[in-house]
Amino acid sequence: MLTINFIRENTALVIEKLAIKNFDGSEIISKIIDADKTRRALQLESDNRQAEMNNLSRQIGDLFKAGKKEEAEAARQKTATLKDEIKGLTQKLEKIEKKLQKLIEQVPNLPHESVPKGKSATDNKKIRKRSSRLKLYTGAMAHWDLAKKYDIIDFELGVKLTGAGFPVYKNKGAKLQRALINFFLDENKKAGYTEYWPPLMVNADSAFGTGQLPDKEGQMYYIKSDEFYMIPTAEVPVTNIYRDVILDAKVLPVKCTAYTPCFRREAGSYGKDVRGLNRVHQFDKVEIVQIQHPEKSYETFKEMVSHVESLVVKLKLPYRIMKLCGGDMSFTSALTYDFEVFSAAQGKWLEVSSVSNFESYQANRLKLRFRDESSKKMQLAHTLNGSSLALPRIVAALLENNQTEKGIIIPKVLRKYTGFDIIS
């Protein structure tokens, strides 16, 4: 969430930057500025009344002592009037402050200066690509057919138990899931991340803190009776560990990782692009989160991108890294790189990770601050997160790209976790 001071002092820049995200901020920013002017005027008026009342209160005793009873009583009546006026002003202030807060919550984060203009994924910019042409044997299958052939994922059973988009992993498919989770977690811990096992449901404060509310309310599963949301990503509970926390600068960066199932309604998704594991409602994902000093967050961003890239390289998957254009970015992100792996049997690129820098946007919502060592002043931290990695499309690419006439070859880095080197 942007701060009112930043919006007030950089109004034209804010509107200009929002346009890169295809967000017309002219009207809402104007409303914010007007509401802020009203708020500040009310606050000044209230402060002046309070100062006048304090001054009169100090005079009353002196007037009584001096025998000026009538003047003292008049001053007492005036303070009573001022007290009522201050109460009315306070009520108006509370109302305008709520209005101002609601308006600011509707404004997306500003994109980093390097973010290209664009309206959709077709306008994203390729950062780098590592892709070798894969030659599959005649008769190679898409992962949903491989899943049935080798009895490792049952999509129909998932429909029976819950509905479409809830696959059931079994046999070596289940063990492959567990192997990938453990591999990702182990690699993250080697890189200095502390492992967490957070709740799978969060309250509204947590969903608001990382920006899922109000922007993505329709995409989350909601348990009305308890007012809990099923998490769409471990980013939500893990980042909220530091909600309302003041850190010492010397502990930065804070590095966290967690495995969780994730739940997304994916409302409006349909067609061939959602078949099999391409788009599901429940899936497993390992996440990395960092809290960093603002001066070092983009250095950390590069480090996180390199770390995720190392995982894809170790799995020997063809991949490319894309810088998202303004129109394809999330509400909360300042800069996002997507990782896509090539799925040979489908002949398409599948997104498997997003690494994002939110700068101070989430931290302002979370009230996540740090105390500067030299000045001792408190500042908003920067938050970053990335998938390392999301499993469904990784599994899809692994199955399709590694299939042979004898079976599906398991990457060497996973074999100590699976206990087998082929699915046959």
Protein backbone atom coordinates (compact mmCIF):
# COMPACT_ATOMS: atom_id res chain seq x y z
CA MET A 1 0.00 0.00 0.00
CA LEU A 2 1.34 3.43 -0.93
CA THR A 3 1.75 5.97 1.84
CA ILE A 4 -0.31 9.16 1.78
CA ASN A 5 2.86 11.24 2.11
CA PHE A 6 4.30 9.66 -1.04
CA ILE A 7 1.05 10.17 -2.98
CA ARG A 8 0.77 13.80 -1.82
CA GLU A 9 4.38 14.64 -2.67
CA ASN A 10 4.53 12.71 -5.99
CA THR A 11 0.99 12.97 -7.37
CA ALA A 12 1.89 13.31 -11.05
CA LEU A 13 4.51 10.55 -10.84
CA VAL A 14 2.05 8.17 -9.17
CA ILE A 15 -0.52 8.66 -11.94
CA GLU A 16 2.18 8.24 -14.60
CA LYS A 17 3.52 5.03 -13.03
CA LEU A 18 0.06 3.55 -12.56
CA ALA A 19 -0.58 4.00 -16.28
CA ILE A 20 2.22 1.48 -16.97
CA LYS A 21 0.04 -1.07 -15.16
CA ASN A 22 -2.88 0.05 -17.35
CA PHE A 23 -4.50 1.57 -14.29
CA ASP A 24 -6.07 4.99 -14.76
CA GLY A 25 -5.33 6.60 -11.43
CA SER A 26 -6.44 10.15 -12.23
CA GLU A 27 -9.84 9.97 -10.57
CA ILE A 28 -8.96 7.96 -7.47
CA ILE A 29 -5.74 9.90 -6.82
CA SER A 30 -7.74 13.13 -7.06
CA LYS A 31 -10.19 11.74 -4.49
CA ILE A 32 -7.31 10.74 -2.24
CA ILE A 33 -5.74 14.21 -2.42
CA ASP A 34 -9.11 15.86 -1.69
CA ALA A 35 -9.78 13.52 1.24
CA ASP A 36 -6.29 14.17 2.58
CA LYS A 37 -6.80 17.94 2.39
CA THR A 38 -10.07 17.59 4.31
CA ARG A 39 -8.38 15.34 6.87
CA ARG A 40 -5.51 17.74 7.40
CA ALA A 41 -7.84 20.74 7.70
CA LEU A 42 -9.96 18.93 10.27
CA GLN A 43 -6.85 17.88 12.17
CA LEU A 44 -5.55 21.47 12.22
CA GLU A 45 -8.90 22.77 13.40
CA SER A 46 -9.06 20.12 16.13
CA ASP A 47 -5.48 20.89 17.23
CA ASN A 48 -6.24 24.61 17.42
CA ARG A 49 -9.37 23.96 19.51
CA GLN A 50 -7.36 21.66 21.77
CA ALA A 51 -4.63 24.26 22.22
CA GLU A 52 -7.23 26.93 23.02
CA MET A 53 -8.92 24.63 25.55
CA ASN A 54 -5.60 23.78 27.20
CA ASN A 55 -4.76 27.46 27.47
CA LEU A 56 -8.14 28.28 29.02
CA SER A 57 -7.84 25.37 31.44
CA ARG A 58 -4.56 26.79 32.72
CA GLN A 59 -6.16 30.25 33.14
CA ILE A 60 -9.22 29.08 35.10
CA GLY A 61 -7.29 28.34 38.30
CA ASP A 62 -5.47 31.65 38.14
CA LEU A 63 -8.74 33.54 37.60
CA PHE A 64 -10.36 31.86 40.62
CA LYS A 65 -7.31 32.67 42.73
CA ALA A 66 -7.46 36.29 41.60
CA GLY A 67 -11.13 36.45 42.65
CA LYS A 68 -12.34 36.81 39.07
CA LYS A 69 -15.13 34.29 39.46
CA GLU A 70 -17.29 35.45 36.53
CA GLU A 71 -14.37 35.36 34.13
CA ALA A 72 -13.40 31.92 35.45
CA GLU A 73 -16.93 30.60 34.93
CA ALA A 74 -17.02 32.04 31.42
CA ALA A 75 -13.71 30.33 30.67
CA ARG A 76 -15.07 27.06 32.09
CA GLN A 77 -18.15 27.27 29.84
CA LYS A 78 -15.93 28.04 26.87
CA THR A 79 -13.82 24.93 27.56
CA ALA A 80 -17.01 22.84 27.71
CA THR A 81 -18.04 24.24 24.32
CA LEU A 82 -14.59 23.57 22.91
CA LYS A 83 -14.68 20.01 24.25
CA ASP A 84 -17.95 19.36 22.37
CA GLU A 85 -16.53 20.91 19.22
CA ILE A 86 -13.40 18.73 19.46
CA LYS A 87 -15.59 15.64 19.89
CA GLY A 88 -17.49 16.52 16.72
CA LEU A 89 -14.27 17.15 14.83
CA THR A 90 -12.85 13.82 16.06
CA GLN A 91 -15.90 11.99 14.69
CA LYS A 92 -15.48 13.73 11.34
CA LEU A 93 -11.77 12.87 11.37
CA GLU A 94 -12.44 9.19 12.00
CA LYS A 95 -14.92 9.13 9.12
CA ILE A 96 -12.60 10.85 6.62
CA GLU A 97 -9.63 8.72 7.73
CA LYS A 98 -11.62 5.53 7.01
CA LYS A 99 -12.62 6.91 3.63
CA LEU A 100 -9.00 7.84 2.86
CA GLN A 101 -7.78 4.39 3.90
CA LYS A 102 -10.33 2.65 1.67
CA LEU A 103 -9.31 4.79 -1.28
CA ILE A 104 -5.59 4.14 -0.84
CA GLU A 105 -6.23 0.39 -0.56
CA GLN A 106 -7.63 0.45 -4.11
CA VAL A 107 -4.38 1.79 -5.59
CA PRO A 108 -1.93 -0.85 -6.94
CA ASN A 109 1.77 -0.80 -6.23
CA LEU A 110 3.87 1.29 -8.58
CA PRO A 111 6.01 -0.64 -11.10
CA HIS A 112 9.79 -0.47 -10.97
CA GLU A 113 11.40 1.82 -13.53
CA SER A 114 12.56 -1.21 -15.55
CA VAL A 115 9.07 -2.61 -16.07
CA PRO A 116 8.09 -2.47 -19.76
CA LYS A 117 4.75 -1.15 -20.93
CA GLY A 118 2.28 -3.71 -22.21
CA LYS A 119 -1.20 -5.12 -21.81
CA SER A 120 -0.75 -8.89 -21.59
CA ALA A 121 1.71 -11.79 -21.44
CA THR A 122 2.50 -11.29 -25.13
CA ASP A 123 4.22 -8.03 -24.18
CA ASN A 124 6.51 -9.58 -21.54
CA LYS A 125 10.26 -9.27 -22.13
CA LYS A 126 12.52 -12.32 -22.31
CA ILE A 127 15.48 -12.01 -19.92
CA ARG A 128 17.20 -15.25 -20.86
CA LYS A 129 16.46 -18.69 -22.21
CA ARG A 130 18.06 -22.09 -21.80
CA SER A 131 16.35 -24.49 -24.11
CA SER A 132 17.61 -27.43 -26.11
CA ARG A 133 15.42 -29.01 -28.77
CA LEU A 134 13.88 -32.16 -27.33
CA LYS A 135 13.30 -35.11 -29.62
CA LEU A 136 10.60 -37.35 -28.19
CA TYR A 137 9.99 -40.82 -29.48
CA THR A 138 7.13 -41.47 -31.90
CA GLY A 139 3.97 -41.89 -29.90
CA ALA A 140 5.05 -39.60 -27.03
CA MET A 141 2.13 -38.54 -24.83
CA ALA A 142 0.93 -35.54 -22.88
CA HIS A 143 1.26 -35.89 -19.10
CA TRP A 144 -2.44 -36.69 -18.54
CA ASP A 145 -2.09 -39.75 -20.78
CA LEU A 146 1.22 -40.72 -19.17
CA ALA A 147 -0.46 -40.43 -15.75
CA LYS A 148 -3.07 -42.99 -16.79
CA LYS A 149 -0.59 -45.30 -18.56
CA TYR A 150 1.69 -45.57 -15.51
CA ASP A 151 -1.08 -45.22 -12.90
CA ILE A 152 0.58 -42.30 -11.09
CA ILE A 153 -2.09 -39.57 -11.16
CA ASP A 154 -5.85 -40.17 -11.14
CA PHE A 155 -7.77 -37.15 -12.39
CA GLU A 156 -11.13 -38.95 -12.52
CA LEU A 157 -10.85 -40.03 -8.89
CA GLY A 158 -10.19 -36.42 -7.93
CA VAL A 159 -13.45 -35.43 -9.66
CA LYS A 160 -15.29 -38.12 -7.69
CA LEU A 161 -13.81 -37.10 -4.34
CA THR A 162 -14.03 -33.33 -4.79
CA GLY A 163 -14.34 -31.99 -8.33
CA ALA A 164 -12.33 -31.00 -11.39
CA GLY A 165 -8.92 -29.57 -10.55
CA PHE A 166 -8.19 -31.81 -7.56
CA PRO A 167 -5.89 -34.59 -8.86
CA VAL A 168 -5.05 -37.66 -6.78
CA TYR A 169 -1.35 -38.68 -6.87
CA LYS A 170 -0.63 -42.35 -6.31
CA ASN A 171 2.15 -44.94 -6.43
CA LYS A 172 5.34 -43.44 -7.88
CA GLY A 173 3.44 -40.25 -8.69
CA ALA A 174 2.87 -39.65 -4.97
CA LYS A 175 6.50 -40.38 -4.18
CA LEU A 176 7.65 -38.03 -6.95
CA GLN A 177 5.61 -35.26 -5.32
CA ARG A 178 7.23 -35.89 -1.96
CA ALA A 179 10.67 -36.09 -3.58
CA LEU A 180 10.28 -32.72 -5.27
CA ILE A 181 9.06 -31.05 -2.07
CA ASN A 182 12.01 -32.39 -0.07
CA PHE A 183 14.49 -31.50 -2.81
CA PHE A 184 13.24 -27.91 -3.01
CA LEU A 185 13.21 -27.49 0.78
CA ASP A 186 16.70 -28.91 1.16
CA GLU A 187 18.06 -26.62 -1.55
CA ASN A 188 16.39 -23.61 0.07
CA LYS A 189 17.81 -24.47 3.49
CA LYS A 190 21.30 -24.78 1.95
CA ALA A 191 20.80 -21.24 0.65
CA GLY A 192 20.17 -19.98 4.18
CA TYR A 193 16.39 -20.03 4.38
CA THR A 194 14.71 -20.99 7.67
CA GLU A 195 11.98 -23.58 7.19
CA TYR A 196 8.43 -23.03 8.45
CA TRP A 197 5.30 -25.18 8.39
CA PRO A 198 2.52 -22.58 8.58
CA PRO A 199 -1.29 -22.89 8.83
CA LEU A 200 -3.23 -23.51 5.62
CA MET A 201 -5.95 -21.04 6.62
CA VAL A 202 -5.52 -17.37 7.46
CA ASN A 203 -7.70 -14.60 8.82
CA ALA A 204 -8.69 -11.45 6.92
CA ASP A 205 -5.89 -9.39 8.49
CA SER A 206 -3.29 -11.77 7.05
CA ALA A 207 -4.94 -11.81 3.62
CA PHE A 208 -5.03 -8.02 3.64
CA GLY A 209 -1.41 -7.74 4.78
CA THR A 210 0.04 -9.40 1.68
CA GLY A 211 -2.51 -7.88 -0.70
CA GLN A 212 -4.86 -10.78 -1.40
CA LEU A 213 -7.68 -8.66 0.05
CA PRO A 214 -9.43 -6.88 -1.42
CA ASP A 215 -7.82 -7.55 -4.82
CA LYS A 216 -8.13 -11.36 -5.03
CA GLU A 217 -11.07 -12.08 -2.75
CA GLY A 218 -12.97 -13.92 -5.50
CA GLN A 219 -10.01 -16.23 -6.17
CA MET A 220 -9.72 -17.56 -2.61
CA TYR A 221 -11.75 -20.26 -0.92
CA TYR A 222 -13.59 -18.73 2.04
CA ILE A 223 -14.89 -20.52 5.14
CA LYS A 224 -17.76 -18.26 6.13
CA SER A 225 -18.56 -19.76 9.54
CA ASP A 226 -15.02 -19.11 10.81
CA GLU A 227 -14.12 -16.17 8.53
CA PHE A 228 -10.95 -17.92 7.37
CA TYR A 229 -9.41 -18.04 3.89
CA MET A 230 -7.65 -21.09 2.45
CA ILE A 231 -4.18 -19.90 1.47
CA PRO A 232 -3.43 -19.37 -2.24
CA THR A 233 0.31 -19.51 -1.45
CA ALA A 234 2.62 -19.89 1.57
CA GLU A 235 3.63 -16.28 0.99
CA VAL A 236 0.54 -15.19 2.91
CA PRO A 237 1.09 -16.88 6.31
CA VAL A 238 4.89 -16.72 6.15
CA THR A 239 5.12 -12.98 5.40
CA ASN A 240 2.47 -12.30 8.04
CA ILE A 241 4.73 -13.83 10.69
CA TYR A 242 6.28 -10.35 10.69
CA ARG A 243 3.05 -8.35 10.73
CA ASP A 244 3.19 -5.58 13.37
CA VAL A 245 6.87 -6.36 14.01
CA ILE A 246 9.79 -3.95 14.35
CA LEU A 247 13.09 -5.59 13.37
CA ASP A 248 16.63 -4.48 14.06
CA ALA A 249 18.45 -3.66 10.83
CA LYS A 250 21.26 -6.03 11.80
CA VAL A 251 18.98 -9.10 11.41
CA LEU A 252 18.19 -8.29 7.79
CA PRO A 253 17.73 -10.06 5.51
CA VAL A 254 15.19 -12.41 7.05
CA LYS A 255 14.94 -15.53 4.85
CA CYS A 256 12.03 -17.98 5.14
CA THR A 257 10.89 -21.03 3.20
CA ALA A 258 7.82 -23.21 3.53
CA TYR A 259 6.03 -26.04 1.82
CA THR A 260 2.23 -25.89 1.73
CA PRO A 261 -0.66 -27.11 -0.31
CA CYS A 262 -2.20 -24.10 -2.06
CA PHE A 263 -5.85 -23.48 -2.92
CA ARG A 264 -7.12 -21.30 -5.76
CA ARG A 265 -10.59 -21.08 -7.24
CA GLU A 266 -9.20 -20.07 -10.65
CA ALA A 267 -12.61 -18.62 -11.47
CA GLY A 268 -13.12 -18.12 -15.18
CA SER A 269 -10.46 -20.64 -16.27
CA TYR A 270 -11.57 -23.05 -18.97
CA GLY A 271 -10.54 -24.71 -22.22
CA LYS A 272 -7.52 -26.69 -23.35
CA ASP A 273 -5.05 -24.68 -21.23
CA VAL A 274 -6.53 -26.07 -18.00
CA ARG A 275 -6.25 -29.75 -18.89
CA GLY A 276 -4.40 -32.15 -16.58
CA LEU A 277 -1.95 -30.38 -14.27
CA ASN A 278 -1.85 -27.16 -16.27
CA ARG A 279 -4.30 -25.44 -13.93
CA VAL A 280 -5.67 -27.00 -10.76
CA HIS A 281 -7.50 -25.82 -7.64
CA GLN A 282 -5.26 -27.57 -5.10
CA PHE A 283 -1.54 -27.98 -5.63
CA ASP A 284 1.74 -28.22 -3.72
CA LYS A 285 4.30 -25.45 -3.71
CA VAL A 286 7.50 -24.53 -1.91
CA GLU A 287 7.90 -20.79 -1.34
CA ILE A 288 10.77 -18.49 -0.42
CA VAL A 289 10.24 -15.13 1.29
CA GLN A 290 12.75 -12.43 2.19
CA ILE A 291 12.49 -9.26 4.25
CA GLN A 292 15.24 -6.85 3.33
CA HIS A 293 16.59 -3.34 3.73
CA PRO A 294 15.22 -1.06 0.95
CA GLU A 295 18.74 -0.27 -0.27
CA LYS A 296 19.48 -3.97 -0.84
CA SER A 297 16.17 -5.39 -2.04
CA TYR A 298 16.98 -5.39 -5.76
CA GLU A 299 20.29 -7.08 -5.11
CA THR A 300 18.29 -9.66 -3.14
CA PHE A 301 15.81 -9.93 -6.02
CA LYS A 302 18.64 -10.96 -8.37
CA GLU A 303 19.87 -13.46 -5.80
CA MET A 304 16.41 -15.03 -5.52
CA VAL A 305 16.07 -15.25 -9.30
CA SER A 306 19.46 -17.00 -9.49
CA HIS A 307 18.43 -19.43 -6.77
CA VAL A 308 15.19 -20.43 -8.50
CA GLU A 309 17.09 -20.73 -11.77
CA SER A 310 19.54 -23.15 -10.14
CA LEU A 311 16.66 -25.45 -9.20
CA VAL A 312 15.34 -25.59 -12.75
CA VAL A 313 18.86 -26.19 -14.07
CA LYS A 314 19.38 -29.09 -11.66
CA LEU A 315 16.16 -30.66 -12.89
CA LYS A 316 17.54 -30.27 -16.44
CA LEU A 317 14.37 -28.63 -17.74
CA PRO A 318 14.36 -26.24 -20.71
CA TYR A 319 13.33 -22.83 -19.37
CA ARG A 320 13.06 -19.15 -20.01
CA ILE A 321 12.82 -16.15 -17.67
CA MET A 322 10.36 -13.40 -18.54
CA LYS A 323 10.11 -9.89 -17.12
CA LEU A 324 6.42 -9.13 -16.77
CA CYS A 325 5.08 -6.02 -18.47
CA GLY A 326 2.90 -3.57 -16.56
CA GLY A 327 -0.36 -5.10 -17.75
CA ASP A 328 0.59 -8.64 -16.70
CA MET A 329 1.83 -7.78 -13.20
CA SER A 330 0.01 -8.40 -9.95
CA PHE A 331 -1.69 -5.67 -7.94
CA THR A 332 1.04 -5.69 -5.28
CA SER A 333 4.25 -6.24 -7.25
CA ALA A 334 6.84 -3.63 -8.25
CA LEU A 335 8.85 -6.08 -10.38
CA THR A 336 8.18 -9.71 -11.30
CA TYR A 337 10.16 -12.30 -13.24
CA ASP A 338 8.29 -15.42 -14.34
CA PHE A 339 10.01 -18.76 -14.89
CA GLU A 340 8.54 -20.94 -17.62
CA VAL A 341 9.53 -24.50 -18.50
CA PHE A 342 8.94 -26.07 -21.87
CA SER A 343 6.51 -28.96 -21.98
CA ALA A 344 7.61 -30.98 -24.99
CA ALA A 345 4.55 -33.14 -25.60
CA GLN A 346 2.22 -30.17 -25.39
CA GLY A 347 4.64 -27.94 -27.26
CA LYS A 348 4.10 -24.99 -24.92
CA TRP A 349 5.69 -22.99 -22.13
CA LEU A 350 4.32 -23.48 -18.61
CA GLU A 351 4.80 -20.97 -15.81
CA VAL A 352 6.33 -22.61 -12.72
CA SER A 353 7.54 -19.68 -10.63
CA SER A 354 7.19 -15.95 -10.10
CA VAL A 355 9.84 -13.99 -8.21
CA SER A 356 8.61 -10.57 -7.09
CA ASN A 357 9.82 -7.51 -5.24
CA PHE A 358 6.95 -5.69 -3.51
CA GLU A 359 9.21 -2.95 -2.17
CA SER A 360 7.40 -1.37 0.84
CA TYR A 361 3.86 -2.01 -0.47
CA GLN A 362 3.17 -5.11 1.64
CA ALA A 363 5.23 -3.82 4.55
CA ASN A 364 3.03 -0.72 4.83
CA ARG A 365 -0.06 -2.93 5.06
CA LEU A 366 1.70 -5.23 7.51
CA LYS A 367 3.21 -2.41 9.56
CA LEU A 368 6.49 -4.29 9.12
CA ARG A 369 9.33 -1.95 10.01
CA PHE A 370 12.97 -2.00 10.98
CA ARG A 371 15.04 0.32 13.15
CA ASP A 372 18.02 1.88 11.41
CA GLU A 373 21.21 1.23 13.36
CA SER A 374 22.74 4.68 12.88
CA SER A 375 19.74 7.02 13.04
CA LYS A 376 17.57 4.73 15.23
CA LYS A 377 14.64 5.81 13.07
CA MET A 378 12.05 3.29 11.94
CA GLN A 379 11.54 2.57 8.25
CA LEU A 380 9.30 0.29 6.23
CA ALA A 381 11.11 -2.87 5.12
CA HIS A 382 10.96 -4.35 1.63
CA THR A 383 9.39 -7.78 1.08
CA LEU A 384 10.14 -10.28 -1.70
CA ASN A 385 8.90 -13.75 -2.51
CA GLY A 386 9.24 -16.48 -5.09
CA SER A 387 8.02 -19.98 -5.89
CA SER A 388 10.79 -22.53 -5.56
CA LEU A 389 8.93 -24.25 -7.02
CA ALA A 390 5.24 -24.88 -7.84
CA LEU A 391 4.86 -28.61 -8.45
CA PRO A 392 2.02 -29.29 -10.94
CA ARG A 393 3.62 -27.87 -14.07
CA ILE A 394 7.08 -29.00 -12.99
CA VAL A 395 5.67 -32.53 -12.79
CA ALA A 396 3.93 -32.10 -16.15
CA ALA A 397 7.18 -31.02 -17.81
CA LEU A 398 9.25 -33.73 -16.09
CA LEU A 399 6.86 -36.47 -17.20
CA GLU A 400 6.58 -35.25 -20.77
CA ASN A 401 10.20 -34.27 -21.39
CA ASN A 402 11.74 -37.38 -19.79
CA GLN A 403 9.47 -40.02 -21.31
CA THR A 404 11.05 -42.85 -23.30
CA GLU A 405 9.67 -46.03 -24.80
CA LYS A 406 10.83 -47.84 -21.64
CA GLY A 407 9.40 -45.37 -19.15
CA ILE A 408 9.87 -41.94 -17.58
CA ILE A 409 13.45 -41.21 -16.49
CA ILE A 410 13.83 -39.48 -13.10
CA PRO A 411 16.41 -36.62 -12.94
CA LYS A 412 19.55 -37.64 -11.04
CA VAL A 413 19.09 -34.99 -8.31
CA LEU A 414 15.75 -36.55 -7.35
CA ARG A 415 16.76 -40.21 -7.23
CA LYS A 416 18.01 -40.15 -3.64
CA TYR A 417 14.56 -38.83 -2.70
CA THR A 418 12.45 -41.12 -4.90
CA GLY A 419 14.43 -44.32 -4.41
CA PHE A 420 13.87 -45.18 -8.08
CA ASP A 421 15.28 -43.87 -11.35
CA ILE A 422 12.43 -44.70 -13.74
CA ILE A 423 8.66 -44.83 -13.76
CA SER A 424 7.69 -47.85 -15.85
